[in-house]
Each structure stands twice: as structure tokens, then as C-alpha cells.
Amino acid sequence: MDDRELAFTPAIKLRELIATKQISPVEVTEKALRRVDRLNPKLNAFLTVAADRALQDAKRAEEDVIKKETLGPLHGVPTSIKDLLETEGIRTTKGSHIFRNRVPSKDDFLVDRIRNAGAIILGKTNTPEFGHGGGVTENRLADFCRNPWNPEMVSGASSGGAAVSVAAGMNPISHGTDGGGSIRVPASFCGVFGIMGTMGRVPRRNTGLISSNPVWFSQDGPLSRTVSDAALYLRVMSGPHIEATGKGSLPEPAEGFLADISGSIKGLRIGWSPNLGSIPVEKDVAVICEKAVQRFETLGATVEDSGFIIDIEEVSETFGTLTATQDYINYGYLLAEHGEEMVSYVKQAIVTGKNTSAEVYALALARMERLRKYVRESFSRYDLLITPTLAVAPFPCGYRPEVIDGVKVPKMSGFYSMLYPFNMTGNPSASIPCGFTIDNLPVGLHIVGRKLDELTIINASLAFEEAYPWAHLRPMAS
């Protein structure tokens, strides 16, 4: 197996090769680090590379294989952590210049889970400041995070570095977070698979107000080149945790919720919505997604127009109000001393949250509950709802679309408006690669499921992947 083939080997296969001593964790890690060294200057997927720690962990993993110790499900597999989670001894910036020199003394409990599964952490992937990039991974720490299919284009955000690291073969799986599309946006733009579980499926850190707060929308989840790898990684991260009590964690154990992965979708009822009734989509993207969703009928599902309609202007206003107040809760303490170091739109969001009245906040909560009720009732008719992931294909770094299909849209969110409504409702959803534009830029299809039903999303994604594979496709910058 040459270096390039190894770089694009799925995590499950790598773990098998390691367990059967056909390749060593040290060899895999060394090759992955060399690839990061070669590609990261062009793509900026990583903000921090932890080469020494990764090699130390790989040597211990190799010793465990030699001693015939019990091996974890990710034993010896290279991975990376989005630079929002604490990592012991490894710089954790949260994408902010304010924290550029911060090195935590303890791992986040999800990092513990990933390490305990045997994974080798290569470093921390690029993210916009506090994960707040408006769909673009940019910050004051490094250059743009760039798309491996065309480095002049954006990677998406806020798990941009995670998606790029996977797409370019730096690691087969990566940790991401999704508070408004932050796994699914870069998955679509970079041509990889990304999934966000039901709210609370992966436990949220208990930081006072955050864990029990009904408007804390962010979920941790995986990005990978194959559906099976993502399912494995999601299982590793999932399950109750003592540090994530209340609404921050579902009570069910992690073992059961993906117990019957078969790839069969015969008899499945799929509702198709090309635009959620109110979101403009560029014609080339719309055509690709329309063709892709019809393929599910050839796989045994029934596909029909869902009639799903939301008022995206109202939903966007609601989402903005609730996330701005959350930004203030999380980062308002930094305004006085560090406000001038922040990216301007991040600072503005925090200030907006600070100035939000109780009345405005209460009305936003009421609108969110109305959206949740509507989505819940819609899933009484369908097993899955499918939409385009994004309204556009990747666009140039330093730019955001303000007009889509001839319609003016909000600059900071108009192109990913199909996504954040389902952060607000707590439904699991994924983005699967479904085609390319004439410029060879990836397009994703968005699959939304009922709460607690990640399994149906995984099975539908796996069926599509097996019939119309994508993992063999390699970007130019790889």
C-alpha cells in the first residue's frame, strides 16, 4: 500500500490492518504527519499540530498490539479535534486571537472518550472565532481554511479544518461541532460525509446555564469519507456523562442507537423539499440535488414532495436572537478587555446578545417552540426529510453571496439557511456528497430524521453511498 492509498484508507480498515499487524500505528501516524506537513501550508486545516504527542501515543498503541492487549474501536487511527474542545498540553485557541497562547491542563471528556477508543490525535483543526464564522472558516490566527478541491474557494465552517483534513487525506475521521450547520456546511463544500446527532446524543459540557439551556444548539459529531466510519465515531462520542446532566445528555446508552446498520431503505417514506418553501437555491445546485434525491426511489424508498414550508425570515430572526444571547452568556466577559481583538461580526453578535430585551427573547422562544411543533408533526408523514445541504457551491475566499438565484439574502447566513432550523428543533441530520458542479466543486444532499432516529439517516446514507460511491474521488490538493 503506497502512501497515497494509505492516506485515503477508511478508519475501520486501518484499525483492522493495525490489529492484524499488517501495519503499525507508528507508521500510520508518521505518514499522516508528513501529509499534514506537506498540505497544511496550502490549506490551513490545522491551527496546531501535536506531532510529538501523537508519535508518543502511536508508540504506546503499537506496544498494546504487540502485547495483545484489548484494542479500542479506533486503535491507532489518526484523527483530529476541532479547536473548540480542551486538550491537555495542546494549544486550544477556540479560533480566537485572545486565546492564541492558551494550553489547557485537562482534556474535555469527549477528547477522553476519543483517546480511550485508541485514536491518535494529530492536532487541533481550524475554526472561526468561537465557532462563529457565518459559514466561513476565517480568524486572526491564520490564513483562510481553503477547499482542497480548489484552494481559492472556502472550506465552509465552522468545522472547516476538520472537513479539509478528511477530504485531503490527512486523517480518515475528524471531530466537529454543529451549532447552525457547522458540520454539514463544510461536509457539503468539501465532498465528505458529516452527521449531527439528536440534540443531547453526544453529551454537552455542563457549564452552568449551558447544559440545561433549551437554546444551546451545538452538537459534537464526526466528519469522514465513509458513512461507516462516521457511525463508528458517533458511537464512540455518544452516551450519558456525569458532566452533562439534564438536557445536555440523553439518558440512553450509546451501544443501542446504531445497532442495526444495514443500508436497507426499502419502504422508507422520504419527503423532498427543494427549498423549505422559502429559500432561494442556485439552479445548478438545485438540479444536482433534485437528480440525487430521485435515486432513493431506485433503492426502494418512496419519494414525494413534502409540502414542508417555513418562513425563513422569521426563523432566521429567531435563530439570530437566541444565538446572540448565548454568545453573550459565553463570551460577554471578554468584551471590556478583549473586544478589539475579536473579529468584528463576532463582537457585534455578543453586543447584540447583551442588548436583547427579555420581551424579544421570550418571543423568540415562543417562535422556536412553534417551529419544533411544526417539524414534529411533519415527521408523522415521513421517515426522512431531504433538502439540498446548501444553496450554493463553494465560493471564493474573502466573499459571501448576497444574491442567490436572483434573490437578495442575508450575507452571513443566506447560503446555509436549510440547516440551522434543525439545530433549533434538535433533529439529527447529515450531509452526503451527491455530485459536482461543472467547475468540479462538491454539492451535498441534506438528510433530516426524527429525533432519536440517527439509524434511519445512517442507513439511507449508506444505501446511497453503496449505489453511488464518492470515497474514491480525490481533490486536487491531496
Protein backbone atom coordinates (compact mmCIF):
# COMPACT_ATOMS: atom_id res chain seq x y z
CA MET A 1 0.00 0.00 0.00
CA ASP A 2 1.58 3.28 -1.11
CA ASP A 3 1.39 6.46 0.97
CA ARG A 4 -1.49 7.99 -1.02
CA GLU A 5 -3.57 4.83 -0.83
CA LEU A 6 -2.94 4.61 2.91
CA ALA A 7 -3.97 8.26 3.34
CA PHE A 8 -7.39 7.50 1.89
CA THR A 9 -7.96 4.18 3.67
CA PRO A 10 -11.10 4.23 5.84
CA ALA A 11 -10.67 4.25 9.61
CA ILE A 12 -12.37 0.85 10.04
CA LYS A 13 -9.97 -0.73 7.53
CA LEU A 14 -6.96 0.98 9.12
CA ARG A 15 -7.92 -0.35 12.53
CA GLU A 16 -8.17 -3.86 11.04
CA LEU A 17 -4.73 -3.57 9.42
CA ILE A 18 -3.27 -2.38 12.72
CA ALA A 19 -4.94 -5.10 14.79
CA THR A 20 -3.65 -7.82 12.43
CA LYS A 21 -0.13 -6.31 12.45
CA GLN A 22 -0.13 -5.59 8.71
CA ILE A 23 0.81 -2.00 9.51
CA SER A 24 1.92 -0.29 12.72
CA PRO A 25 0.29 2.71 14.43
CA VAL A 26 3.66 4.45 14.35
CA GLU A 27 3.96 4.03 10.58
CA VAL A 28 0.40 5.26 10.04
CA THR A 29 0.95 8.28 12.29
CA GLU A 30 4.29 9.21 10.74
CA LYS A 31 2.79 9.12 7.25
CA ALA A 32 -0.21 11.18 8.39
CA LEU A 33 2.05 13.81 9.97
CA ARG A 34 4.17 14.03 6.81
CA ARG A 35 1.00 14.61 4.84
CA VAL A 36 -0.10 17.35 7.25
CA ASP A 37 3.34 18.97 6.91
CA ARG A 38 3.01 18.96 3.12
CA LEU A 39 -0.60 20.06 2.75
CA ASN A 40 -1.33 22.28 5.73
CA PRO A 41 0.66 25.28 4.46
CA LYS A 42 -1.65 25.30 1.40
CA LEU A 43 -4.95 24.52 3.12
CA ASN A 44 -4.69 25.64 6.77
CA ALA A 45 -6.71 22.71 8.06
CA PHE A 46 -4.79 22.65 11.36
CA LEU A 47 -4.20 25.52 13.76
CA THR A 48 -1.94 23.36 15.95
CA VAL A 49 -0.13 20.13 15.06
CA ALA A 50 0.78 17.95 18.06
CA ALA A 51 3.36 15.76 16.35
CA ASP A 52 5.41 14.76 19.41
CA ARG A 53 2.35 13.79 21.46
CA ALA A 54 0.84 11.92 18.51
CA LEU A 55 4.00 9.85 18.00
CA GLN A 56 4.22 9.06 21.71
CA ASP A 57 0.61 7.86 21.67
CA ALA A 58 1.27 5.84 18.49
CA LYS A 59 4.20 4.06 20.14
CA ARG A 60 2.02 3.12 23.11
CA ALA A 61 -0.66 1.91 20.70
CA GLU A 62 1.94 -0.23 18.94
CA GLU A 63 3.08 -1.74 22.25
CA ASP A 64 -0.53 -2.66 23.03
CA VAL A 65 -0.80 -4.52 19.73
CA ILE A 66 2.44 -6.39 20.39
CA LYS A 67 1.32 -7.32 23.93
CA LYS A 68 -2.07 -8.46 22.60
CA GLU A 69 -3.93 -6.03 24.82
CA THR A 70 -7.63 -5.35 24.25
CA LEU A 71 -7.79 -2.75 21.50
CA GLY A 72 -10.29 0.10 21.25
CA PRO A 73 -12.56 0.61 18.21
CA LEU A 74 -10.25 3.36 16.85
CA HIS A 75 -6.96 1.84 17.96
CA GLY A 76 -4.07 3.53 16.16
CA VAL A 77 -6.32 5.55 13.82
CA PRO A 78 -5.24 9.19 13.23
CA THR A 79 -7.87 11.79 14.00
CA SER A 80 -8.11 15.46 14.92
CA ILE A 81 -10.09 17.63 17.31
CA LYS A 82 -11.81 20.86 16.34
CA ASP A 83 -10.07 23.69 18.19
CA LEU A 84 -13.08 24.39 20.41
CA LEU A 85 -12.51 21.45 22.76
CA GLU A 86 -9.96 21.46 25.59
CA THR A 87 -6.91 19.26 25.02
CA GLU A 88 -4.38 18.62 27.75
CA GLY A 89 -0.98 20.01 26.82
CA ILE A 90 -2.12 21.01 23.32
CA ARG A 91 -2.92 24.62 22.46
CA THR A 92 -6.65 25.36 22.44
CA THR A 93 -7.49 28.73 20.87
CA LYS A 94 -11.24 28.49 20.12
CA GLY A 95 -10.21 30.17 16.87
CA SER A 96 -9.57 33.40 18.75
CA HIS A 97 -6.51 35.61 18.89
CA ILE A 98 -7.44 36.21 22.54
CA PHE A 99 -6.57 32.58 23.38
CA ARG A 100 -3.65 32.20 20.99
CA ASN A 101 -1.29 31.02 23.76
CA ARG A 102 -3.73 29.03 25.88
CA VAL A 103 -2.73 25.45 26.76
CA PRO A 104 -5.27 23.57 28.93
CA SER A 105 -4.24 21.23 31.73
CA LYS A 106 -7.10 18.79 31.18
CA ASP A 107 -8.84 17.05 28.27
CA ASP A 108 -12.50 17.64 27.56
CA PHE A 109 -14.44 14.48 28.41
CA LEU A 110 -15.17 13.87 24.70
CA VAL A 111 -11.45 14.01 24.00
CA ASP A 112 -11.07 11.41 26.77
CA ARG A 113 -13.58 9.19 25.01
CA ILE A 114 -11.78 9.53 21.68
CA ARG A 115 -8.39 8.80 23.25
CA ASN A 116 -9.79 5.85 25.21
CA ALA A 117 -11.10 4.41 21.94
CA GLY A 118 -7.45 4.28 20.83
CA ALA A 119 -7.42 7.15 18.34
CA ILE A 120 -4.21 9.13 17.77
CA ILE A 121 -4.87 12.87 17.89
CA LEU A 122 -2.73 14.69 15.30
CA GLY A 123 -3.72 18.18 16.44
CA LYS A 124 -6.41 20.87 16.50
CA THR A 125 -8.31 21.82 13.37
CA ASN A 126 -9.09 25.30 12.15
CA THR A 127 -12.29 27.04 13.20
CA PRO A 128 -13.55 30.63 13.08
CA GLU A 129 -13.53 32.63 16.29
CA PHE A 130 -15.65 30.80 18.90
CA GLY A 131 -17.08 28.74 16.01
CA HIS A 132 -18.91 31.85 14.81
CA GLY A 133 -17.83 32.19 11.19
CA GLY A 134 -21.05 32.70 9.29
CA GLY A 135 -20.29 29.64 7.19
CA VAL A 136 -16.64 30.57 6.50
CA THR A 137 -13.56 29.43 8.44
CA GLU A 138 -11.60 32.64 8.97
CA ASN A 139 -9.93 34.11 12.04
CA ARG A 140 -6.99 36.25 13.12
CA LEU A 141 -4.71 33.29 13.78
CA ALA A 142 -4.04 32.08 10.25
CA ASP A 143 -4.98 32.35 6.59
CA PHE A 144 -8.38 31.18 5.34
CA CYS A 145 -9.07 27.49 5.68
CA ARG A 146 -9.09 26.53 2.00
CA ASN A 147 -11.05 24.00 -0.01
CA PRO A 148 -8.93 21.05 -1.24
CA TRP A 149 -10.96 20.79 -4.45
CA ASN A 150 -9.91 24.35 -5.30
CA PRO A 151 -7.80 26.24 -2.73
CA GLU A 152 -9.14 29.57 -3.97
CA MET A 153 -12.52 28.56 -2.55
CA VAL A 154 -13.84 28.44 1.02
CA SER A 155 -13.98 25.23 3.03
CA GLY A 156 -17.19 26.07 4.86
CA ALA A 157 -17.49 26.48 8.63
CA SER A 158 -17.23 26.23 11.42
CA SER A 159 -15.72 22.73 11.27
CA GLY A 160 -13.82 23.79 8.17
CA GLY A 161 -10.45 22.45 9.22
CA ALA A 162 -11.99 19.13 10.19
CA ALA A 163 -13.63 18.69 6.77
CA VAL A 164 -10.49 19.72 4.89
CA SER A 165 -8.30 17.35 6.91
CA VAL A 166 -10.59 14.45 5.98
CA ALA A 167 -11.12 15.41 2.32
CA ALA A 168 -7.39 15.85 1.74
CA GLY A 169 -6.46 12.54 3.38
CA MET A 170 -4.69 13.94 6.44
CA ASN A 171 -6.86 11.72 8.67
CA PRO A 172 -9.80 9.46 7.84
CA ILE A 173 -12.12 10.86 10.52
CA SER A 174 -12.30 14.10 12.44
CA HIS A 175 -14.23 15.65 15.30
CA GLY A 176 -16.50 18.59 14.54
CA THR A 177 -19.28 20.59 16.15
CA ASP A 178 -22.53 21.88 14.66
CA GLY A 179 -24.42 24.82 16.17
CA GLY A 180 -26.11 26.02 12.99
CA GLY A 181 -24.73 23.87 10.20
CA SER A 182 -21.08 23.76 11.25
CA ILE A 183 -20.55 20.08 10.40
CA ARG A 184 -22.86 19.94 7.40
CA VAL A 185 -21.69 23.15 5.65
CA PRO A 186 -18.03 22.07 5.31
CA ALA A 187 -19.06 18.45 4.63
CA SER A 188 -21.02 19.67 1.60
CA PHE A 189 -18.35 22.10 0.39
CA CYS A 190 -15.51 19.58 0.82
CA GLY A 191 -17.27 16.49 -0.53
CA VAL A 192 -17.29 14.40 2.66
CA PHE A 193 -19.89 12.91 4.98
CA GLY A 194 -20.88 14.68 8.19
CA ILE A 195 -23.60 13.95 10.71
CA MET A 196 -25.12 15.79 13.67
CA GLY A 197 -26.98 13.56 16.13
CA THR A 198 -30.18 14.24 18.03
CA MET A 199 -29.71 17.08 20.49
CA GLY A 200 -28.05 15.51 23.53
CA ARG A 201 -27.00 12.30 21.75
CA VAL A 202 -23.40 13.39 22.19
CA PRO A 203 -23.35 14.89 25.70
CA ARG A 204 -22.85 18.62 26.07
CA ARG A 205 -20.50 20.03 28.65
CA ASN A 206 -22.20 21.14 31.86
CA THR A 207 -21.13 24.76 32.30
CA GLY A 208 -23.87 26.16 34.46
CA LEU A 209 -26.54 27.64 32.19
CA ILE A 210 -25.35 25.87 29.06
CA SER A 211 -26.16 22.21 29.64
CA SER A 212 -29.79 22.71 30.66
CA ASN A 213 -30.47 25.63 28.33
CA PRO A 214 -33.09 24.83 25.64
CA VAL A 215 -31.44 27.22 23.17
CA TRP A 216 -27.95 25.71 23.27
CA PHE A 217 -27.96 24.33 19.73
CA SER A 218 -24.44 22.98 19.26
CA GLN A 219 -23.75 19.25 18.91
CA ASP A 220 -20.45 17.40 18.53
CA GLY A 221 -20.22 14.93 15.67
CA PRO A 222 -17.96 13.30 13.09
CA LEU A 223 -16.77 14.08 9.58
CA SER A 224 -15.41 11.25 7.46
CA ARG A 225 -15.05 9.96 3.93
CA THR A 226 -17.33 6.96 4.58
CA VAL A 227 -20.66 6.59 6.34
CA SER A 228 -19.48 3.55 8.33
CA ASP A 229 -16.52 5.47 9.76
CA ALA A 230 -18.80 8.29 10.87
CA ALA A 231 -21.22 5.86 12.51
CA LEU A 232 -18.37 4.33 14.48
CA TYR A 233 -17.03 7.72 15.57
CA LEU A 234 -20.50 8.93 16.53
CA ARG A 235 -20.96 5.85 18.70
CA VAL A 236 -17.62 6.48 20.42
CA MET A 237 -18.65 10.03 21.32
CA SER A 238 -22.22 9.23 22.37
CA GLY A 239 -23.85 8.20 25.64
CA PRO A 240 -24.62 9.83 29.00
CA HIS A 241 -21.89 11.52 31.00
CA ILE A 242 -21.82 12.77 34.57
CA GLU A 243 -20.54 16.17 33.42
CA ALA A 244 -23.52 16.64 31.08
CA THR A 245 -26.60 16.33 33.25
CA GLY A 246 -30.14 17.42 32.50
CA LYS A 247 -30.99 18.38 28.93
CA GLY A 248 -27.32 18.26 27.95
CA SER A 249 -27.33 14.47 27.63
CA LEU A 250 -29.76 11.79 26.53
CA PRO A 251 -30.12 9.01 29.09
CA GLU A 252 -29.86 6.14 26.59
CA PRO A 253 -26.56 4.23 26.42
CA ALA A 254 -24.51 4.63 23.26
CA GLU A 255 -24.49 0.96 22.27
CA GLY A 256 -28.08 0.64 21.07
CA PHE A 257 -28.93 3.58 18.85
CA LEU A 258 -26.90 2.37 15.84
CA ALA A 259 -27.26 -1.35 16.48
CA ASP A 260 -28.87 -2.31 13.17
CA ILE A 261 -26.90 -0.66 10.38
CA SER A 262 -27.96 -2.49 7.22
CA GLY A 263 -28.06 0.03 4.40
CA SER A 264 -31.60 -1.09 3.56
CA ILE A 265 -34.22 1.60 2.92
CA LYS A 266 -36.97 -0.44 1.26
CA GLY A 267 -40.37 1.00 2.13
CA LEU A 268 -38.92 4.20 3.55
CA ARG A 269 -41.07 7.33 3.13
CA ILE A 270 -38.99 10.35 2.08
CA GLY A 271 -40.31 13.89 1.87
CA TRP A 272 -38.36 16.05 -0.59
CA SER A 273 -38.19 19.81 -0.23
CA PRO A 274 -36.07 21.71 -2.76
CA ASN A 275 -36.04 24.92 -0.69
CA LEU A 276 -38.10 24.53 2.53
CA GLY A 277 -40.66 26.69 0.75
CA SER A 278 -38.81 29.99 1.08
CA ILE A 279 -35.05 29.63 0.46
CA PRO A 280 -33.52 30.57 -2.91
CA VAL A 281 -31.15 27.93 -4.35
CA GLU A 282 -28.79 28.34 -7.29
CA LYS A 283 -30.06 26.43 -10.32
CA ASP A 284 -27.01 24.19 -10.82
CA VAL A 285 -27.13 23.06 -7.19
CA ALA A 286 -30.91 22.55 -7.36
CA VAL A 287 -30.60 20.34 -10.46
CA ILE A 288 -27.88 18.16 -8.92
CA CYS A 289 -29.85 17.67 -5.68
CA GLU A 290 -33.15 17.01 -7.48
CA LYS A 291 -31.49 14.27 -9.52
CA ALA A 292 -29.81 12.82 -6.44
CA VAL A 293 -32.95 12.56 -4.31
CA GLN A 294 -34.77 10.66 -7.04
CA ARG A 295 -32.09 7.97 -6.82
CA PHE A 296 -33.56 6.93 -3.47
CA GLU A 297 -36.57 5.57 -5.36
CA THR A 298 -34.31 3.16 -7.25
CA LEU A 299 -33.09 1.98 -3.82
CA GLY A 300 -36.58 1.08 -2.65
CA ALA A 301 -37.84 4.23 -0.94
CA THR A 302 -40.85 6.35 -1.83
CA VAL A 303 -40.01 9.99 -2.59
CA GLU A 304 -42.63 12.72 -2.83
CA ASP A 305 -42.94 16.46 -2.39
CA SER A 306 -43.11 17.05 1.35
CA GLY A 307 -45.04 20.30 1.23
CA PHE A 308 -42.71 21.41 4.02
CA ILE A 309 -42.79 25.21 4.30
CA ILE A 310 -41.17 27.53 6.79
CA ASP A 311 -40.84 31.31 6.84
CA ILE A 312 -37.06 31.55 6.67
CA GLU A 313 -37.04 35.26 7.51
CA GLU A 314 -38.84 34.59 10.78
CA VAL A 315 -36.74 31.52 11.55
CA SER A 316 -33.53 33.40 10.78
CA GLU A 317 -34.53 36.27 13.06
CA THR A 318 -35.39 33.82 15.82
CA PHE A 319 -32.14 31.92 15.44
CA GLY A 320 -30.14 35.16 15.45
CA THR A 321 -31.79 36.40 18.64
CA LEU A 322 -31.27 33.15 20.52
CA THR A 323 -27.68 32.56 19.41
CA ALA A 324 -26.66 36.17 20.11
CA THR A 325 -27.86 35.91 23.70
CA GLN A 326 -25.97 32.64 24.02
CA ASP A 327 -22.84 34.32 22.63
CA TYR A 328 -23.16 36.97 25.33
CA ILE A 329 -23.58 34.34 28.05
CA ASN A 330 -20.46 32.53 26.84
CA TYR A 331 -18.15 35.37 25.84
CA GLY A 332 -19.59 38.64 27.15
CA TYR A 333 -16.99 38.69 29.91
CA LEU A 334 -14.31 39.27 27.23
CA LEU A 335 -15.84 42.44 25.77
CA ALA A 336 -14.32 45.03 28.08
CA GLU A 337 -10.72 43.86 27.92
CA HIS A 338 -10.54 42.00 24.60
CA GLY A 339 -13.33 43.36 22.42
CA GLU A 340 -10.92 44.99 19.98
CA GLU A 341 -9.14 41.68 19.39
CA MET A 342 -12.32 39.97 18.20
CA VAL A 343 -13.41 39.59 14.60
CA SER A 344 -15.90 42.43 14.07
CA TYR A 345 -19.02 40.33 13.42
CA VAL A 346 -18.29 38.12 16.43
CA LYS A 347 -18.08 41.18 18.66
CA GLN A 348 -21.29 42.55 17.13
CA ALA A 349 -23.14 39.30 17.87
CA ILE A 350 -22.05 39.41 21.51
CA VAL A 351 -23.12 43.05 21.83
CA THR A 352 -26.47 42.23 20.21
CA GLY A 353 -26.97 39.49 22.77
CA LYS A 354 -26.13 41.86 25.58
CA ASN A 355 -28.73 44.35 24.38
CA THR A 356 -31.54 41.86 23.71
CA SER A 357 -34.58 42.60 25.85
CA ALA A 358 -36.48 39.99 27.83
CA GLU A 359 -39.52 40.58 25.64
CA VAL A 360 -37.63 39.95 22.40
CA TYR A 361 -36.00 36.87 23.89
CA ALA A 362 -39.32 35.45 25.14
CA LEU A 363 -40.97 35.96 21.74
CA ALA A 364 -38.05 34.17 20.08
CA LEU A 365 -38.50 31.21 22.44
CA ALA A 366 -42.19 31.06 21.53
CA ARG A 367 -41.40 31.09 17.80
CA MET A 368 -38.83 28.31 18.30
CA GLU A 369 -41.41 26.13 20.05
CA ARG A 370 -43.84 26.73 17.18
CA LEU A 371 -41.16 25.57 14.70
CA ARG A 372 -40.47 22.46 16.80
CA LYS A 373 -44.17 21.56 16.82
CA TYR A 374 -44.43 22.01 13.05
CA VAL A 375 -41.39 19.82 12.36
CA ARG A 376 -42.57 17.15 14.80
CA GLU A 377 -45.97 16.97 13.09
CA SER A 378 -44.34 16.86 9.64
CA PHE A 379 -42.42 13.73 10.62
CA SER A 380 -45.68 11.93 11.26
CA ARG A 381 -45.93 11.64 7.45
CA TYR A 382 -42.31 10.87 6.55
CA ASP A 383 -39.35 8.88 7.83
CA LEU A 384 -36.87 11.39 6.39
CA LEU A 385 -36.90 14.91 5.01
CA ILE A 386 -34.33 15.64 2.29
CA THR A 387 -33.21 19.06 1.01
CA PRO A 388 -30.10 20.48 -0.63
CA THR A 389 -27.47 20.95 2.07
CA LEU A 390 -26.54 24.40 0.80
CA ALA A 391 -27.98 26.89 -1.65
CA VAL A 392 -24.68 27.37 -3.48
CA ALA A 393 -21.46 25.59 -4.39
CA PRO A 394 -18.17 26.70 -2.77
CA PHE A 395 -17.32 30.35 -3.44
CA PRO A 396 -14.05 32.33 -3.32
CA CYS A 397 -12.27 33.07 -0.05
CA GLY A 398 -13.00 36.59 1.17
CA TYR A 399 -16.52 36.58 -0.28
CA ARG A 400 -20.04 35.63 0.82
CA PRO A 401 -23.03 35.52 -1.54
CA GLU A 402 -25.59 38.29 -1.04
CA VAL A 403 -27.78 37.31 -4.01
CA ILE A 404 -28.79 33.69 -4.72
CA ASP A 405 -30.81 32.78 -7.81
CA GLY A 406 -31.58 36.48 -8.26
CA VAL A 407 -32.90 36.93 -4.70
CA LYS A 408 -31.17 39.07 -2.06
CA VAL A 409 -30.24 37.00 1.01
CA PRO A 410 -28.54 37.72 4.34
CA LYS A 411 -24.81 37.82 3.67
CA MET A 412 -23.81 35.92 6.80
CA SER A 413 -26.33 33.08 6.62
CA GLY A 414 -28.29 33.06 3.36
CA PHE A 415 -26.42 30.17 1.76
CA TYR A 416 -26.89 27.70 4.66
CA SER A 417 -30.46 28.54 5.69
CA MET A 418 -31.56 24.93 5.12
CA LEU A 419 -29.52 23.80 8.13
CA TYR A 420 -29.97 25.85 11.31
CA PRO A 421 -33.75 25.30 11.59
CA PHE A 422 -32.91 21.71 12.58
CA ASN A 423 -30.42 22.80 15.22
CA MET A 424 -33.33 24.71 16.70
CA THR A 425 -35.61 21.66 16.63
CA GLY A 426 -32.94 19.20 17.79
CA ASN A 427 -33.44 16.75 14.90
CA PRO A 428 -30.50 14.63 13.71
CA SER A 429 -29.29 15.37 10.19
CA ALA A 430 -26.43 14.65 7.81
CA SER A 431 -24.87 15.88 4.59
CA ILE A 432 -23.86 13.34 1.96
CA PRO A 433 -21.88 14.06 -1.21
CA CYS A 434 -24.23 13.84 -4.19
CA GLY A 435 -22.44 15.38 -7.17
CA PHE A 436 -20.24 18.11 -8.62
CA THR A 437 -20.80 21.35 -10.47
CA ILE A 438 -19.38 21.97 -13.91
CA ASP A 439 -16.38 23.54 -12.12
CA ASN A 440 -15.75 20.27 -10.23
CA LEU A 441 -16.92 21.65 -6.89
CA PRO A 442 -18.80 19.35 -4.48
CA VAL A 443 -22.52 19.53 -3.74
CA GLY A 444 -24.20 17.91 -0.74
CA LEU A 445 -27.63 16.48 -0.01
CA HIS A 446 -29.16 17.14 3.42
CA ILE A 447 -30.94 14.26 5.18
CA VAL A 448 -33.02 15.04 8.29
CA GLY A 449 -34.55 12.40 10.56
CA ARG A 450 -36.90 12.14 13.50
CA LYS A 451 -35.45 12.80 16.93
CA LEU A 452 -33.61 9.76 18.31
CA ASP A 453 -33.53 8.15 14.85
CA GLU A 454 -29.97 8.54 13.62
CA LEU A 455 -30.15 4.93 12.42
CA THR A 456 -32.51 5.72 9.54
CA ILE A 457 -30.26 8.59 8.42
CA ILE A 458 -27.21 6.29 8.56
CA ASN A 459 -28.98 3.53 6.62
CA ALA A 460 -30.20 5.93 3.93
CA SER A 461 -26.74 7.49 3.63
CA LEU A 462 -25.09 4.07 3.45
CA ALA A 463 -27.52 2.87 0.77
CA PHE A 464 -26.78 5.95 -1.33
CA GLU A 465 -23.03 5.60 -0.78
CA GLU A 466 -23.04 1.95 -1.86
CA ALA A 467 -25.04 2.71 -5.01
CA TYR A 468 -23.31 5.99 -5.89
CA PRO A 469 -19.89 5.91 -4.15
CA TRP A 470 -17.82 9.01 -3.55
CA ALA A 471 -14.89 7.98 -1.33
CA HIS A 472 -12.69 7.07 -4.32
CA LEU A 473 -12.81 10.68 -5.58
CA ARG A 474 -9.75 12.74 -4.59
CA PRO A 475 -9.43 16.54 -4.55
CA MET A 476 -6.71 18.31 -6.49
CA ALA A 477 -4.89 19.44 -3.33
CA SER A 478 -4.20 15.97 -1.97
